């Protein structure tokens, strides 16, 4: 019944979360704000609008979340231009393995322009038949909208698709949309709540070869 595999990008295909963590910490230090909340993990998988709302909840409604994200974006681009964004382990290998067997698509909360640039620079953009990105939806992950839209872009029902995710927000989104979910943890270990939503949990992308 499985006809398509829909991938998240950040932390699944590209090792961009590592760079984001560094740039967010720099921006936080520059703006001299602190919090006990794990706000970075709260924002993983969210688009810009939802991230702005989370930052205001964490740091207060008077916090200039636009300035924070703009600064973090500038810093990220500096890293990207200097060193590039590496692929996650086995990313190209698993894409090459799956492409002859399944239709491949992307569902990323990142803006479409950045998605196109980063996947092109990494040399993997042509693996994906469709790309559904953050600016295309009103509510990002954990809302199911982005995965429902990604399925429609392929002309398939959610039960015909598998999502590959690393974040709690992404897993909740895909599961709520009705897809089978494979978690490949990056920065966040699965909790019992998340484990219950997953079809499979893999150590690396290479493990997908065992059952796909």
Foldseek 3Di string as FASTA:
>chain_A
DAAEEEEEPDQAWWVLLVLLVVLLVVLCVVVVDDFPDPLSQVCPFWADVVNLVSVCVGGHVPDPSVVSVVSSVVSSVVCCVPPNIETFPCNVVLLVVCQVPHAYAYQYLYDPVVVVVNCVVNPHPVSHPYYQYNVNDPTTFPALVSVLVRCVVVPHQQCNYEYEEAGPRPLNNSLVSPHAYEHAHGPDDDDPVSVVSHPYYDPHSVCVVVPD
